[in-house]
Amino acid sequence: MPYNPLIHNRNSIRLQGYDYSSEGAYFLTICTYQHQHLFGKIENGIMYLNQYGQIVRHEWERSAIIRAEIQLGEYIIMPNHMHAIVFIVDVTRRGVRPNAPTTNAPTTNANMMNVNTTYGKTTSENNPPGLQSSSIGSLMAGFKSSVTKQINLIRNSPGEPVWQRNYWDHIIRNDESFDQIEDYIINNPMNWQQDKLFTP
């Protein structure tokens, strides 16, 4: 595989200076370690989750139960990655989906999977004490850790990585972008072989 800084860079790819605990809508992509097909298979445009994929789904849906500030939007678990829309909400207004745009989001020109995507640098997610609570980084660290622990328990492989070290995020700024991303997620299994993350 040729060098890709978004995949191989050991530095954090969070947007420098941005508060990832801010209310708003976020598009997240998480890949498996070395793009292994861990979570199931796609047949005729339908994703069939295996035992590991079911763990991912259960833990993802549990995230909104154990974190009052989190609401889940559309998501899809693919053989070697996962896409999801997440809302960070004011807990005093829980149940009201935030409207795009995320008003304090800075503008960048980065791009991934044909949607405007934001990358930057902040503290590594491998340093949990530095993570701000009620933030996207805190959500990702807890979710990935729980999934890894459960999968490694089943396959008797303590310490084996399940996920790539980092993840990608996009701060959703308007309804048009939201609709585009939501459609992308819903249609991801149908378009699997054209996906940039496709591996045979």
Protein backbone atom coordinates (compact mmCIF):
# COMPACT_ATOMS: atom_id res chain seq x y z
CA MET A 1 0.00 0.00 0.00
CA PRO A 2 1.46 3.45 -0.91
CA TYR A 3 2.04 5.92 1.91
CA ASN A 4 -1.13 7.80 2.81
CA PRO A 5 -0.70 10.45 5.52
CA LEU A 6 -4.32 10.05 6.61
CA ILE A 7 -3.72 6.35 7.31
CA HIS A 8 -0.07 6.10 8.27
CA ASN A 9 0.54 9.36 10.16
CA ARG A 10 1.16 8.58 13.82
CA ASN A 11 0.13 12.10 14.90
CA SER A 12 -3.43 12.98 15.84
CA ILE A 13 -5.59 14.23 12.96
CA ARG A 14 -7.98 16.32 15.02
CA LEU A 15 -8.47 19.95 13.99
CA GLN A 16 -6.11 22.14 15.99
CA GLY A 17 -7.84 24.45 18.43
CA TYR A 18 -11.37 23.13 17.81
CA ASP A 19 -13.53 22.25 20.82
CA TYR A 20 -14.84 18.75 20.08
CA SER A 21 -17.25 18.98 23.00
CA SER A 22 -19.19 21.73 21.18
CA GLU A 23 -22.85 21.13 20.41
CA GLY A 24 -23.41 20.08 16.83
CA ALA A 25 -23.36 17.24 14.34
CA TYR A 26 -20.26 15.20 13.49
CA PHE A 27 -19.52 12.58 10.85
CA LEU A 28 -17.09 9.92 12.10
CA THR A 29 -15.20 7.15 10.32
CA ILE A 30 -13.35 4.43 12.23
CA CYS A 31 -11.28 1.74 10.47
CA THR A 32 -10.15 -1.65 11.64
CA TYR A 33 -6.47 -2.34 12.20
CA GLN A 34 -4.78 -2.93 8.83
CA HIS A 35 -8.26 -2.81 7.24
CA GLN A 36 -9.01 -6.38 8.32
CA HIS A 37 -12.51 -7.64 7.53
CA LEU A 38 -13.52 -8.24 11.14
CA PHE A 39 -17.19 -7.34 11.35
CA GLY A 40 -18.96 -9.44 8.73
CA LYS A 41 -19.54 -9.49 4.99
CA ILE A 42 -21.55 -7.79 2.29
CA GLU A 43 -23.73 -9.84 -0.04
CA ASN A 44 -26.00 -8.31 -2.68
CA GLY A 45 -25.56 -4.86 -1.18
CA ILE A 46 -26.54 -5.94 2.35
CA MET A 47 -24.16 -5.94 5.32
CA TYR A 48 -24.35 -9.09 7.46
CA LEU A 49 -22.76 -8.63 10.87
CA ASN A 50 -20.82 -11.46 12.45
CA GLN A 51 -20.28 -11.87 16.20
CA TYR A 52 -17.70 -9.09 16.30
CA GLY A 53 -19.93 -6.79 14.26
CA GLN A 54 -22.76 -7.39 16.70
CA ILE A 55 -20.46 -6.28 19.53
CA VAL A 56 -19.68 -3.07 17.62
CA ARG A 57 -23.38 -2.37 17.09
CA HIS A 58 -24.28 -3.07 20.71
CA GLU A 59 -21.51 -0.87 22.09
CA TRP A 60 -22.27 1.95 19.65
CA GLU A 61 -25.95 2.02 20.57
CA ARG A 62 -25.01 1.83 24.25
CA SER A 63 -22.95 5.01 23.82
CA ALA A 64 -26.10 7.14 23.74
CA ILE A 65 -27.35 5.46 26.91
CA ILE A 66 -24.23 5.91 29.02
CA ARG A 67 -23.40 9.42 27.69
CA ALA A 68 -26.18 11.94 28.25
CA GLU A 69 -24.67 14.45 25.82
CA ILE A 70 -24.62 11.99 22.89
CA GLN A 71 -27.37 11.30 20.36
CA LEU A 72 -26.79 8.88 17.52
CA GLY A 73 -27.74 9.54 13.93
CA GLU A 74 -27.45 7.21 10.95
CA TYR A 75 -24.59 4.72 11.13
CA ILE A 76 -23.30 1.70 9.24
CA ILE A 77 -20.88 -1.03 10.27
CA MET A 78 -18.93 -2.28 7.26
CA PRO A 79 -16.52 -5.25 7.04
CA ASN A 80 -13.44 -3.12 7.82
CA HIS A 81 -14.77 0.25 9.00
CA MET A 82 -17.70 2.12 10.47
CA HIS A 83 -19.37 5.41 9.54
CA ALA A 84 -21.61 7.31 11.94
CA ILE A 85 -23.31 10.64 12.52
CA VAL A 86 -23.17 11.80 16.13
CA PHE A 87 -24.86 14.76 17.78
CA ILE A 88 -23.48 16.44 20.87
CA VAL A 89 -26.42 18.08 22.60
CA ASP A 90 -27.10 20.29 25.55
CA VAL A 91 -28.25 17.78 28.18
CA THR A 92 -30.90 20.26 29.34
CA ARG A 93 -32.44 20.02 25.84
CA ARG A 94 -31.88 16.28 25.26
CA GLY A 95 -34.20 14.95 22.59
CA VAL A 96 -33.85 18.00 20.36
CA ARG A 97 -31.53 17.29 17.44
CA PRO A 98 -29.07 20.15 16.90
CA ASN A 99 -29.52 21.97 13.64
CA ALA A 100 -26.64 22.20 11.18
CA PRO A 101 -24.54 24.20 10.78
CA THR A 102 -22.20 23.68 13.71
CA THR A 103 -21.80 27.41 14.08
CA ASN A 104 -18.33 27.66 15.65
CA ALA A 105 -16.70 25.22 13.20
CA PRO A 106 -13.79 26.73 11.25
CA THR A 107 -13.55 26.26 7.51
CA THR A 108 -11.00 23.96 5.85
CA ASN A 109 -10.47 22.58 2.37
CA ALA A 110 -9.66 18.97 3.27
CA ASN A 111 -11.67 16.25 1.58
CA MET A 112 -12.48 12.59 2.14
CA MET A 113 -14.96 10.34 0.36
CA ASN A 114 -16.39 13.27 -1.62
CA VAL A 115 -17.61 15.13 1.46
CA ASN A 116 -15.90 18.13 3.03
CA THR A 117 -13.86 16.75 5.89
CA THR A 118 -11.92 18.42 8.67
CA TYR A 119 -8.49 17.30 9.84
CA GLY A 120 -6.10 18.82 12.35
CA LYS A 121 -3.83 18.08 15.29
CA THR A 122 -4.51 17.99 19.01
CA THR A 123 -3.84 15.58 21.85
CA SER A 124 -3.58 11.91 20.89
CA GLU A 125 -6.55 9.72 21.82
CA ASN A 126 -4.00 7.34 23.33
CA ASN A 127 -3.68 9.79 26.21
CA PRO A 128 -7.08 9.47 27.93
CA PRO A 129 -6.22 11.77 30.87
CA GLY A 130 -5.85 14.61 28.35
CA LEU A 131 -9.23 13.97 26.75
CA GLN A 132 -12.00 16.42 27.50
CA SER A 133 -15.04 14.71 28.94
CA SER A 134 -18.27 14.93 26.94
CA SER A 135 -16.24 15.23 23.74
CA ILE A 136 -15.93 13.28 20.49
CA GLY A 137 -12.45 12.13 21.55
CA SER A 138 -13.78 10.79 24.85
CA LEU A 139 -16.62 8.99 23.06
CA MET A 140 -14.24 7.40 20.55
CA ALA A 141 -11.69 6.33 23.17
CA GLY A 142 -14.32 4.67 25.35
CA PHE A 143 -16.14 2.99 22.47
CA LYS A 144 -13.01 1.64 20.80
CA SER A 145 -11.60 0.40 24.11
CA SER A 146 -14.78 -1.47 25.05
CA VAL A 147 -15.12 -3.12 21.62
CA THR A 148 -11.45 -4.13 21.60
CA LYS A 149 -11.67 -5.67 25.07
CA GLN A 150 -14.74 -7.76 24.21
CA ILE A 151 -13.47 -8.96 20.83
CA ASN A 152 -10.07 -9.88 22.24
CA LEU A 153 -11.74 -11.80 25.04
CA ILE A 154 -13.63 -13.92 22.48
CA ARG A 155 -10.64 -14.54 20.22
CA ASN A 156 -8.25 -14.97 23.16
CA SER A 157 -5.90 -12.30 21.87
CA PRO A 158 -5.18 -9.84 24.72
CA GLY A 159 -3.42 -6.71 23.51
CA GLU A 160 -4.23 -7.25 19.81
CA PRO A 161 -5.40 -4.08 18.08
CA VAL A 162 -8.90 -4.08 16.62
CA TRP A 163 -8.98 -0.48 15.39
CA GLN A 164 -6.56 1.84 13.66
CA ARG A 165 -4.99 4.22 16.13
CA ASN A 166 -6.96 7.25 14.99
CA TYR A 167 -10.27 8.10 13.36
CA TRP A 168 -11.58 10.67 10.89
CA ASP A 169 -14.08 13.38 11.72
CA HIS A 170 -16.09 15.89 9.75
CA ILE A 171 -17.89 18.78 11.43
CA ILE A 172 -21.28 19.01 9.69
CA ARG A 173 -22.02 22.65 8.93
CA ASN A 174 -25.33 22.69 7.05
CA ASP A 175 -28.37 20.63 6.13
CA GLU A 176 -27.15 19.96 2.60
CA SER A 177 -23.95 18.42 3.92
CA PHE A 178 -25.95 16.46 6.50
CA ASP A 179 -28.25 14.99 3.83
CA GLN A 180 -25.30 14.09 1.60
CA ILE A 181 -23.50 12.29 4.43
CA GLU A 182 -26.64 10.50 5.58
CA ASP A 183 -27.24 9.20 2.04
CA TYR A 184 -23.61 8.12 1.81
CA ILE A 185 -23.93 6.09 5.01
CA ILE A 186 -27.23 4.46 4.02
CA ASN A 187 -25.92 3.49 0.57
CA ASN A 188 -22.45 2.41 1.69
CA PRO A 189 -23.12 -1.37 1.52
CA MET A 190 -24.67 -1.06 -1.94
CA ASN A 191 -21.61 0.88 -3.15
CA TRP A 192 -19.05 -1.23 -1.29
CA GLN A 193 -16.86 -2.13 -4.26
CA GLN A 194 -16.58 1.54 -5.25
CA ASP A 195 -15.77 2.64 -1.71
CA LYS A 196 -12.33 4.16 -1.05
CA LEU A 197 -12.03 1.86 1.96
CA PHE A 198 -12.87 -1.28 -0.04
CA THR A 199 -10.42 -4.17 0.21
CA PRO A 200 -11.19 -7.58 -1.34
